[in-house]
Amino acid sequence: MDILNSSQTGSVRKKGKQWYYRFRVQDSDGNWKLHEFKGGKTKAETQLLLNQAIIDYKDHNAIFNPGSITISELCYLWYDSEIENSDLTTNGKKNYKNTVKNIATSDFGKLQLKNVTCEDIQHYVDTLYFGKYDDDGKLIQKAYATSTMRKFFLVLNNIFKYAVYPKHFLRENLMQYVKKRKKKKEVSLFGDDQGTKVPTITNDEYLKIIDYLESDEHNSFFALPIQIAYYTGMRAGEVCGLTWDDIDFDSNCIYVRRSMYYDVDNKCWELKVPKSGKPRTIDFGPTLASILKRAHTEQLKERFHYGKLYQLHFYHLNDIKGKSHCQIYTRFEENGIENKSRFCHGIPYEDADDTVTLNPVSFVCTKPGGELLTTQTLKWLNKLIQKNLPDISHFHFHCLRHTYATTLVANGANIKDVQALLGHSDIKITLDTYSHVTEQSRKKAINIFEAAIQSS
């Protein structure tokens, strides 16, 4: 496209009560055509808009004109263009969609993009950070958690970047001038408050949980996923997606290649890459090696015991709307199962047509009879332990991951190694999560100091 010639001046005119400005724009064929745009409330304001539009077109070969589009409409435009057809999982897209919907349905979402200022965005963001109060000082909208605010800030930044390019609605991303607020931390000047700590359990509490589960024949299968998470720090979905092919007993290591999750749109269990987006290797010691070998032997015995009633699982890479989904299928005898909920099984084996290739998969953690053990099952496990072991009511499956990491950090493990074992994509995540210093590590530091001054 040729640069706008210097003789271009354009013009303004009034139609009814509305002012408009117009100037010539060159199309892809090289022809110059007159384009007209809605102006301001006065002739002078419209003339300024015309002058700026001519400069923009001359300098950038672009017309920055949002028209009457609202923030709400911009939100959905961005989602449909950048997220809907992305490589994100269905659940990942849903998280973005929920944030977009929250922004779009707010009072902020009703504003027209052309009228939005940095102050408008800052006011909206501050309301999310600190909550909203009425004239009497009464809280009418709660503040969002810091983790939630990170999502809002990410989405808002991407939406306004999208408005700059490729849409050419704005000349610059207004979010660059919006500040991330820091919430004031509540500090107790007196009392036993020692700051925020990530939830963990002691080794005695871990052993108490295992003893309780192994003594209950109906819930003994829960012991294995807890043991794996305790000795490896694996996430719940990664434990559920672990197969026997992922375990190398010769090298005593686990290859974390996938995670299990429930696809809310397709209403089935699927396998995806780990949260970090890439596989990782976790070494383990003789204790877990013994546990896994024993579990493998018991699973083989159970398969022989159940015979045809033992549930077998398969996976199939299915293309849905241009995206690959690794869906889990389950073969089971209809009369041989008690729980027929879709949350407890993969897609029925019989539902696969002749064009579907099903590959067998043998999960490490299963329920009796080979039934699928899922993240939904582990949520029920949390309630089971909290109810029956009230002195460990703070237990949550994810605290096993925190326990693993905290134990490593407290005993001098290299933070880079901890990052690799946990599968954090950024070492900052590891440092921020486990920055607290345990009593044991503090005492080690004091001992180092004492030894140093004694020898000097």
Protein backbone atom coordinates (compact mmCIF):
# COMPACT_ATOMS: atom_id res chain seq x y z
CA MET A 1 0.00 0.00 0.00
CA ASP A 2 1.34 3.44 -0.92
CA ILE A 3 1.93 6.05 1.74
CA LEU A 4 -0.84 8.64 1.89
CA ASN A 5 0.14 11.62 -0.26
CA SER A 6 0.82 14.92 1.46
CA SER A 7 -2.10 16.63 -0.30
CA GLN A 8 -4.57 14.51 1.66
CA THR A 9 -6.65 16.76 3.91
CA GLY A 10 -10.00 15.05 4.29
CA SER A 11 -13.14 16.81 5.44
CA VAL A 12 -15.74 16.93 8.19
CA ARG A 13 -19.50 17.26 7.91
CA LYS A 14 -22.62 17.07 10.03
CA LYS A 15 -25.50 14.70 9.33
CA GLY A 16 -28.41 15.33 11.61
CA LYS A 17 -26.94 15.83 15.05
CA GLN A 18 -23.82 13.72 14.45
CA TRP A 19 -20.46 14.90 13.11
CA TYR A 20 -18.42 12.69 10.75
CA TYR A 21 -14.95 12.86 9.20
CA ARG A 22 -13.76 11.31 5.95
CA PHE A 23 -10.61 10.90 3.89
CA ARG A 24 -9.28 8.76 1.08
CA VAL A 25 -7.90 5.26 1.74
CA GLN A 26 -6.10 3.08 -0.79
CA ASP A 27 -7.46 -0.45 -1.17
CA SER A 28 -5.51 -3.62 -2.05
CA ASP A 29 -5.94 -2.93 -5.76
CA GLY A 30 -4.34 0.49 -5.44
CA ASN A 31 -7.58 2.41 -5.90
CA TRP A 32 -8.30 5.39 -3.66
CA LYS A 33 -11.73 5.38 -2.01
CA LEU A 34 -13.38 7.81 0.37
CA HIS A 35 -14.04 6.36 3.82
CA GLU A 36 -16.19 8.04 6.44
CA PHE A 37 -16.03 7.63 10.23
CA LYS A 38 -18.12 8.77 13.15
CA GLY A 39 -16.62 11.86 14.78
CA GLY A 40 -16.98 13.73 18.05
CA LYS A 41 -19.70 15.89 19.52
CA THR A 42 -18.43 19.10 17.93
CA LYS A 43 -16.85 20.18 14.66
CA ALA A 44 -13.56 21.02 16.40
CA GLU A 45 -13.39 17.64 18.12
CA THR A 46 -14.15 15.87 14.84
CA GLN A 47 -11.47 17.89 13.04
CA LEU A 48 -8.90 16.72 15.63
CA LEU A 49 -9.97 13.12 15.07
CA LEU A 50 -9.55 13.58 11.32
CA ASN A 51 -6.08 15.08 11.70
CA GLN A 52 -4.95 12.20 13.95
CA ALA A 53 -6.45 9.59 11.59
CA ILE A 54 -4.54 11.06 8.64
CA ILE A 55 -1.27 11.00 10.62
CA ASP A 56 -1.89 7.39 11.72
CA TYR A 57 -2.63 6.30 8.18
CA LYS A 58 0.45 8.06 6.82
CA ASP A 59 2.79 6.70 9.53
CA HIS A 60 1.37 3.22 10.09
CA ASN A 61 -0.80 2.48 7.04
CA ALA A 62 -3.55 1.78 9.56
CA ILE A 63 -6.83 3.33 10.64
CA PHE A 64 -7.31 3.18 14.42
CA ASN A 65 -11.05 3.33 14.81
CA PRO A 66 -12.92 1.23 17.39
CA GLY A 67 -16.28 2.53 16.27
CA SER A 68 -18.97 1.79 18.84
CA ILE A 69 -17.53 -1.55 20.02
CA THR A 70 -17.73 -2.14 23.78
CA ILE A 71 -15.22 -3.81 26.10
CA SER A 72 -17.66 -6.71 26.35
CA GLU A 73 -17.73 -7.19 22.58
CA LEU A 74 -13.93 -6.88 22.43
CA CYS A 75 -13.61 -9.62 25.09
CA TYR A 76 -15.60 -12.12 23.05
CA LEU A 77 -13.86 -11.14 19.81
CA TRP A 78 -10.51 -11.87 21.44
CA TYR A 79 -11.69 -15.17 22.92
CA ASP A 80 -13.12 -16.43 19.61
CA SER A 81 -9.98 -15.40 17.71
CA GLU A 82 -7.17 -16.30 20.13
CA ILE A 83 -8.49 -18.94 22.55
CA GLU A 84 -11.35 -20.92 21.01
CA ASN A 85 -9.14 -22.59 18.38
CA SER A 86 -5.93 -22.69 20.40
CA ASP A 87 -4.10 -25.80 21.65
CA LEU A 88 -5.44 -25.33 25.19
CA THR A 89 -7.44 -28.16 26.74
CA THR A 90 -11.20 -27.79 26.96
CA ASN A 91 -10.91 -27.08 30.68
CA GLY A 92 -8.16 -24.52 30.05
CA LYS A 93 -10.38 -22.72 27.54
CA LYS A 94 -13.22 -22.80 30.04
CA ASN A 95 -11.07 -21.02 32.64
CA TYR A 96 -10.35 -18.25 30.14
CA LYS A 97 -14.01 -18.09 29.15
CA ASN A 98 -15.08 -17.65 32.78
CA THR A 99 -12.68 -14.74 33.22
CA VAL A 100 -13.80 -13.18 29.94
CA LYS A 101 -17.45 -13.54 30.96
CA ASN A 102 -16.73 -11.88 34.31
CA ILE A 103 -15.16 -8.87 32.59
CA ALA A 104 -17.77 -8.70 29.83
CA THR A 105 -20.77 -8.71 32.20
CA SER A 106 -19.35 -6.07 34.56
CA ASP A 107 -20.11 -2.35 34.42
CA PHE A 108 -16.62 -1.94 32.95
CA GLY A 109 -17.61 -4.24 30.09
CA LYS A 110 -20.43 -1.88 29.08
CA LEU A 111 -18.00 0.96 28.30
CA GLN A 112 -17.28 1.77 24.67
CA LEU A 113 -13.65 1.11 23.81
CA LYS A 114 -13.16 4.55 22.25
CA ASN A 115 -14.07 6.21 25.56
CA VAL A 116 -12.02 3.97 27.88
CA THR A 117 -9.10 5.58 29.68
CA CYS A 118 -6.24 4.15 31.73
CA GLU A 119 -8.03 5.51 34.80
CA ASP A 120 -11.14 3.45 33.94
CA ILE A 121 -9.10 0.26 33.70
CA GLN A 122 -7.17 1.05 36.89
CA HIS A 123 -10.43 1.67 38.79
CA TYR A 124 -11.85 -1.65 37.57
CA VAL A 125 -8.68 -3.56 38.46
CA ASP A 126 -8.50 -1.90 41.90
CA THR A 127 -12.08 -2.96 42.58
CA LEU A 128 -11.09 -6.55 41.85
CA TYR A 129 -7.98 -6.27 44.03
CA PHE A 130 -9.57 -4.65 47.08
CA GLY A 131 -13.32 -5.20 46.75
CA LYS A 132 -16.15 -2.72 46.28
CA TYR A 133 -17.81 -0.65 48.98
CA ASP A 134 -20.98 1.43 49.06
CA ASP A 135 -21.19 5.02 50.30
CA ASP A 136 -21.58 3.80 53.89
CA GLY A 137 -18.36 1.81 53.71
CA LYS A 138 -20.15 -1.55 53.54
CA LEU A 139 -18.46 -4.24 51.46
CA ILE A 140 -20.71 -5.12 48.51
CA GLN A 141 -18.21 -7.03 46.38
CA LYS A 142 -15.43 -9.20 47.79
CA ALA A 143 -11.84 -8.84 46.64
CA TYR A 144 -10.41 -11.57 44.45
CA ALA A 145 -7.51 -13.78 45.49
CA THR A 146 -4.05 -12.93 44.18
CA SER A 147 -4.00 -16.05 41.98
CA THR A 148 -7.33 -15.05 40.41
CA MET A 149 -6.07 -11.51 39.82
CA ARG A 150 -3.14 -12.90 37.84
CA LYS A 151 -5.67 -14.44 35.43
CA PHE A 152 -7.62 -11.18 35.14
CA PHE A 153 -4.48 -9.16 34.50
CA LEU A 154 -3.29 -11.65 31.86
CA VAL A 155 -6.63 -11.61 30.04
CA LEU A 156 -7.00 -7.81 30.17
CA ASN A 157 -3.47 -7.32 28.87
CA ASN A 158 -4.04 -9.73 25.98
CA ILE A 159 -7.42 -8.19 25.13
CA PHE A 160 -5.98 -4.69 24.83
CA LYS A 161 -2.96 -5.99 22.88
CA TYR A 162 -5.45 -7.60 20.51
CA ALA A 163 -7.23 -4.23 20.18
CA VAL A 164 -3.93 -2.71 18.99
CA TYR A 165 -2.97 -5.56 16.69
CA PRO A 166 -4.41 -7.12 14.62
CA LYS A 167 -7.67 -5.14 15.08
CA HIS A 168 -6.21 -1.59 14.92
CA PHE A 169 -8.89 -0.35 17.30
CA LEU A 170 -6.28 1.42 19.48
CA ARG A 171 -2.89 3.01 18.89
CA GLU A 172 -1.34 1.51 22.04
CA ASN A 173 -2.03 -1.03 24.77
CA LEU A 174 -3.58 0.93 27.64
CA MET A 175 -2.73 -1.87 30.08
CA GLN A 176 0.93 -0.83 30.03
CA TYR A 177 -0.04 2.10 32.28
CA VAL A 178 -2.14 0.04 34.71
CA LYS A 179 -0.46 -0.92 37.99
CA LYS A 180 -0.62 -4.26 39.74
CA ARG A 181 -1.53 -3.44 43.30
CA LYS A 182 0.03 -5.18 46.27
CA LYS A 183 -2.34 -6.11 49.03
CA LYS A 184 -1.25 -5.13 52.49
CA LYS A 185 -0.28 -8.23 54.41
CA GLU A 186 -1.90 -8.67 57.78
CA VAL A 187 0.86 -9.01 60.36
CA SER A 188 0.27 -10.01 63.95
CA LEU A 189 2.46 -7.98 66.33
CA PHE A 190 1.72 -10.39 69.15
CA GLY A 191 0.66 -14.03 69.38
CA ASP A 192 1.71 -17.18 67.61
CA ASP A 193 1.32 -16.05 63.99
CA GLN A 194 4.48 -17.08 62.13
CA GLY A 195 3.40 -16.15 58.64
CA THR A 196 1.88 -18.14 55.82
CA LYS A 197 3.11 -21.69 55.33
CA VAL A 198 2.22 -24.14 52.62
CA PRO A 199 0.18 -27.05 54.01
CA THR A 200 2.26 -30.16 54.77
CA ILE A 201 2.02 -33.29 56.88
CA THR A 202 4.60 -34.90 59.13
CA ASN A 203 6.03 -38.36 58.55
CA ASP A 204 4.07 -39.62 61.57
CA GLU A 205 0.85 -38.24 60.07
CA TYR A 206 1.67 -39.88 56.74
CA LEU A 207 2.23 -43.26 58.43
CA LYS A 208 -1.00 -42.83 60.38
CA ILE A 209 -2.93 -42.24 57.14
CA ILE A 210 -1.39 -45.31 55.47
CA ASP A 211 -2.09 -47.50 58.52
CA TYR A 212 -5.72 -46.34 58.57
CA LEU A 213 -6.25 -47.02 54.86
CA GLU A 214 -4.48 -50.40 54.75
CA SER A 215 -6.54 -51.60 57.73
CA ASP A 216 -9.78 -50.85 55.84
CA GLU A 217 -10.36 -53.42 53.10
CA HIS A 218 -12.85 -51.13 51.32
CA ASN A 219 -10.42 -48.22 51.07
CA SER A 220 -7.01 -49.90 51.06
CA PHE A 221 -6.53 -49.10 47.35
CA PHE A 222 -6.16 -45.43 48.36
CA ALA A 223 -2.82 -46.11 50.05
CA LEU A 224 -0.86 -46.50 46.79
CA PRO A 225 -1.63 -43.07 45.23
CA ILE A 226 -0.78 -41.41 48.56
CA GLN A 227 2.51 -43.31 48.79
CA ILE A 228 3.46 -42.37 45.23
CA ALA A 229 2.68 -38.67 45.79
CA TYR A 230 4.49 -38.65 49.15
CA TYR A 231 7.72 -40.06 47.67
CA THR A 232 7.64 -38.20 44.32
CA GLY A 233 5.68 -34.97 44.73
CA MET A 234 3.56 -35.82 41.68
CA ARG A 235 0.31 -33.97 41.13
CA ALA A 236 -3.03 -35.76 41.55
CA GLY A 237 -3.69 -35.92 37.79
CA GLU A 238 -0.16 -37.20 37.15
CA VAL A 239 -0.58 -39.98 39.72
CA CYS A 240 -3.89 -41.02 38.14
CA GLY A 241 -2.34 -41.01 34.64
CA LEU A 242 0.73 -43.04 35.65
CA THR A 243 1.13 -46.38 33.85
CA TRP A 244 3.45 -49.31 34.52
CA ASP A 245 5.35 -48.47 31.34
CA ASP A 246 6.35 -45.17 32.97
CA ILE A 247 8.25 -46.91 35.79
CA ASP A 248 11.85 -48.00 35.24
CA PHE A 249 12.74 -50.41 38.04
CA ASP A 250 16.28 -50.86 36.72
CA SER A 251 17.08 -47.17 37.16
CA ASN A 252 14.51 -46.52 39.93
CA CYS A 253 12.88 -43.61 38.17
CA ILE A 254 9.43 -42.55 37.01
CA TYR A 255 8.80 -40.83 33.69
CA VAL A 256 5.98 -38.34 34.18
CA ARG A 257 4.55 -38.14 30.67
CA ARG A 258 0.88 -37.36 31.14
CA SER A 259 -1.90 -36.22 33.44
CA MET A 260 -5.52 -37.37 33.70
CA TYR A 261 -8.36 -34.86 33.67
CA TYR A 262 -12.10 -34.75 33.02
CA ASP A 263 -13.13 -32.91 29.85
CA VAL A 264 -16.32 -31.09 30.81
CA ASP A 265 -17.42 -30.51 27.20
CA ASN A 266 -16.85 -34.03 25.91
CA LYS A 267 -17.92 -35.52 29.26
CA CYS A 268 -15.16 -38.09 29.44
CA TRP A 269 -11.76 -38.74 31.03
CA GLU A 270 -8.77 -37.79 28.93
CA LEU A 271 -4.97 -37.74 29.12
CA LYS A 272 -2.90 -34.64 28.46
CA VAL A 273 0.70 -33.50 28.85
CA PRO A 274 1.76 -32.45 32.38
CA LYS A 275 1.00 -28.92 33.57
CA SER A 276 4.47 -27.65 32.63
CA GLY A 277 3.86 -28.76 29.04
CA LYS A 278 6.69 -31.30 28.93
CA PRO A 279 7.58 -34.66 30.54
CA ARG A 280 10.05 -35.01 33.40
CA THR A 281 11.95 -37.74 35.25
CA ILE A 282 11.68 -38.38 39.01
CA ASP A 283 14.13 -40.67 40.75
CA PHE A 284 12.94 -42.69 43.74
CA GLY A 285 14.57 -44.74 46.46
CA PRO A 286 14.27 -48.34 47.66
CA THR A 287 11.24 -47.63 49.86
CA LEU A 288 8.98 -46.62 46.97
CA ALA A 289 10.57 -49.28 44.74
CA SER A 290 9.43 -51.95 47.21
CA ILE A 291 5.94 -50.43 47.41
CA LEU A 292 5.55 -50.33 43.61
CA LYS A 293 6.83 -53.87 43.05
CA ARG A 294 4.44 -55.20 45.66
CA ALA A 295 1.56 -53.23 44.11
CA HIS A 296 2.37 -54.61 40.65
CA THR A 297 2.30 -58.18 41.94
CA GLU A 298 -1.01 -57.57 43.74
CA GLN A 299 -2.56 -56.04 40.62
CA LEU A 300 -1.63 -59.09 38.55
CA LYS A 301 -3.19 -61.36 41.20
CA GLU A 302 -6.34 -59.22 41.20
CA ARG A 303 -6.66 -59.41 37.42
CA PHE A 304 -6.48 -63.20 37.63
CA HIS A 305 -8.99 -63.23 40.49
CA TYR A 306 -11.60 -61.07 38.69
CA GLY A 307 -11.09 -62.69 35.30
CA LYS A 308 -13.52 -61.32 32.70
CA LEU A 309 -14.98 -58.93 35.27
CA TYR A 310 -11.69 -57.05 35.56
CA GLN A 311 -11.98 -53.67 33.85
CA LEU A 312 -9.49 -52.96 31.08
CA HIS A 313 -8.59 -49.52 29.79
CA PHE A 314 -7.56 -48.17 26.41
CA TYR A 315 -6.73 -44.81 24.89
CA HIS A 316 -7.57 -43.29 21.54
CA LEU A 317 -6.32 -40.07 19.94
CA ASN A 318 -9.48 -38.43 18.70
CA ASP A 319 -9.63 -35.28 16.56
CA ILE A 320 -12.39 -32.95 17.77
CA LYS A 321 -12.87 -29.57 16.10
CA GLY A 322 -9.35 -29.78 14.73
CA LYS A 323 -7.78 -30.53 18.15
CA SER A 324 -6.32 -33.81 19.38
CA HIS A 325 -7.95 -35.43 22.43
CA CYS A 326 -6.48 -38.53 24.06
CA GLN A 327 -9.66 -40.16 25.35
CA ILE A 328 -9.84 -43.09 27.76
CA TYR A 329 -12.06 -46.08 26.96
CA THR A 330 -13.03 -48.83 29.41
CA ARG A 331 -14.09 -52.41 28.74
CA PHE A 332 -16.26 -53.81 31.50
CA GLU A 333 -19.08 -56.26 32.03
CA GLU A 334 -22.28 -54.26 32.51
CA ASN A 335 -23.57 -56.69 35.13
CA GLY A 336 -20.25 -56.82 36.95
CA ILE A 337 -20.03 -53.21 38.13
CA GLU A 338 -21.79 -51.40 40.94
CA ASN A 339 -21.01 -47.80 40.03
CA LYS A 340 -22.12 -46.91 36.51
CA SER A 341 -21.37 -43.19 36.73
CA ARG A 342 -19.34 -41.76 33.84
CA PHE A 343 -17.01 -40.25 36.46
CA CYS A 344 -15.79 -43.77 37.33
CA HIS A 345 -15.11 -45.14 33.86
CA GLY A 346 -13.74 -44.22 30.49
CA ILE A 347 -15.94 -44.16 27.39
CA PRO A 348 -17.57 -47.63 27.09
CA TYR A 349 -15.44 -49.90 24.89
CA GLU A 350 -18.52 -50.85 22.88
CA ASP A 351 -19.11 -47.22 21.87
CA ALA A 352 -15.98 -47.24 19.70
CA ASP A 353 -16.77 -47.77 16.02
CA ASP A 354 -14.67 -49.73 13.53
CA THR A 355 -12.61 -46.67 12.58
CA VAL A 356 -11.34 -46.18 16.15
CA THR A 357 -8.03 -47.78 17.07
CA LEU A 358 -7.92 -48.53 20.79
CA ASN A 359 -4.50 -48.97 22.42
CA PRO A 360 -4.31 -50.82 25.76
CA VAL A 361 -3.07 -48.88 28.79
CA SER A 362 -2.35 -50.28 32.25
CA PHE A 363 -2.69 -47.69 35.01
CA VAL A 364 -0.68 -48.10 38.21
CA CYS A 365 -3.44 -46.86 40.51
CA THR A 366 -6.87 -48.43 40.14
CA LYS A 367 -9.84 -49.28 42.30
CA PRO A 368 -10.77 -52.92 43.04
CA GLY A 369 -11.62 -54.80 39.89
CA GLY A 370 -9.57 -52.44 37.75
CA GLU A 371 -12.02 -49.55 37.97
CA LEU A 372 -10.51 -46.22 36.93
CA LEU A 373 -9.00 -44.17 39.77
CA THR A 374 -9.43 -40.49 38.93
CA THR A 375 -8.91 -37.03 40.41
CA GLN A 376 -12.61 -37.13 41.30
CA THR A 377 -11.88 -40.22 43.41
CA LEU A 378 -9.03 -38.43 45.19
CA LYS A 379 -11.34 -35.55 46.12
CA TRP A 380 -13.50 -38.08 47.95
CA LEU A 381 -10.34 -39.43 49.62
CA ASN A 382 -9.69 -35.97 51.12
CA LYS A 383 -13.08 -36.02 52.82
CA LEU A 384 -12.58 -39.61 53.99
CA ILE A 385 -9.35 -38.79 55.82
CA GLN A 386 -10.57 -35.46 57.19
CA LYS A 387 -13.63 -37.17 58.64
CA ASN A 388 -12.01 -40.28 60.11
CA LEU A 389 -8.69 -38.77 61.18
CA PRO A 390 -9.78 -35.44 62.72
CA ASP A 391 -6.30 -34.70 64.05
CA ILE A 392 -5.14 -34.62 60.41
CA SER A 393 -8.13 -32.57 59.20
CA HIS A 394 -5.76 -30.28 57.29
CA PHE A 395 -4.95 -33.13 54.88
CA HIS A 396 -5.45 -32.55 51.18
CA PHE A 397 -3.92 -34.69 48.44
CA HIS A 398 -1.96 -31.72 47.09
CA CYS A 399 -0.28 -31.24 50.49
CA LEU A 400 1.72 -34.42 49.72
CA ARG A 401 3.39 -32.48 46.91
CA HIS A 402 4.11 -29.60 49.29
CA THR A 403 5.47 -32.04 51.87
CA TYR A 404 7.84 -33.59 49.33
CA ALA A 405 9.16 -30.22 48.18
CA THR A 406 9.44 -28.74 51.66
CA THR A 407 11.37 -31.78 52.88
CA LEU A 408 13.84 -31.40 50.02
CA VAL A 409 14.32 -27.65 50.51
CA ALA A 410 14.62 -27.92 54.29
CA ASN A 411 17.33 -30.53 54.02
CA GLY A 412 19.54 -28.64 51.60
CA ALA A 413 18.47 -29.91 48.17
CA ASN A 414 19.53 -27.70 45.28
CA ILE A 415 16.58 -25.48 44.36
CA LYS A 416 17.17 -26.13 40.66
CA ASP A 417 16.88 -29.88 41.28
CA VAL A 418 13.67 -29.29 43.25
CA GLN A 419 12.27 -27.31 40.32
CA ALA A 420 13.06 -30.19 37.93
CA LEU A 421 11.54 -32.82 40.22
CA LEU A 422 8.34 -30.81 40.71
CA GLY A 423 8.03 -29.95 37.02
CA HIS A 424 7.78 -26.19 37.56
CA SER A 425 8.17 -24.32 34.27
CA ASP A 426 9.86 -21.40 36.04
CA ILE A 427 12.20 -21.54 39.04
CA LYS A 428 10.43 -18.42 40.37
CA ILE A 429 7.39 -20.60 41.07
CA THR A 430 9.55 -22.90 43.20
CA LEU A 431 11.21 -20.01 45.03
CA ASP A 432 7.93 -18.20 45.71
CA THR A 433 6.08 -21.30 46.90
CA TYR A 434 8.82 -22.66 49.17
CA SER A 435 10.49 -19.47 50.32
CA HIS A 436 9.50 -20.06 53.94
CA VAL A 437 12.24 -21.41 56.18
CA THR A 438 11.42 -24.36 58.38
CA GLU A 439 12.60 -24.66 61.96
CA GLN A 440 14.97 -27.45 60.98
CA SER A 441 16.69 -25.42 58.25
CA ARG A 442 16.90 -22.36 60.52
CA LYS A 443 18.68 -24.39 63.16
CA LYS A 444 21.06 -25.75 60.54
CA ALA A 445 21.88 -22.17 59.55
CA ILE A 446 22.57 -21.25 63.19
CA ASN A 447 24.82 -24.30 63.61
CA ILE A 448 26.80 -23.27 60.53
CA PHE A 449 27.20 -19.78 61.99
CA GLU A 450 28.24 -21.10 65.40
CA ALA A 451 30.79 -23.46 63.86
CA ALA A 452 32.20 -20.64 61.76
CA ILE A 453 32.78 -18.23 64.65
CA GLN A 454 34.17 -20.96 66.91
CA SER A 455 36.85 -21.86 64.38
CA SER A 456 37.80 -18.26 63.61
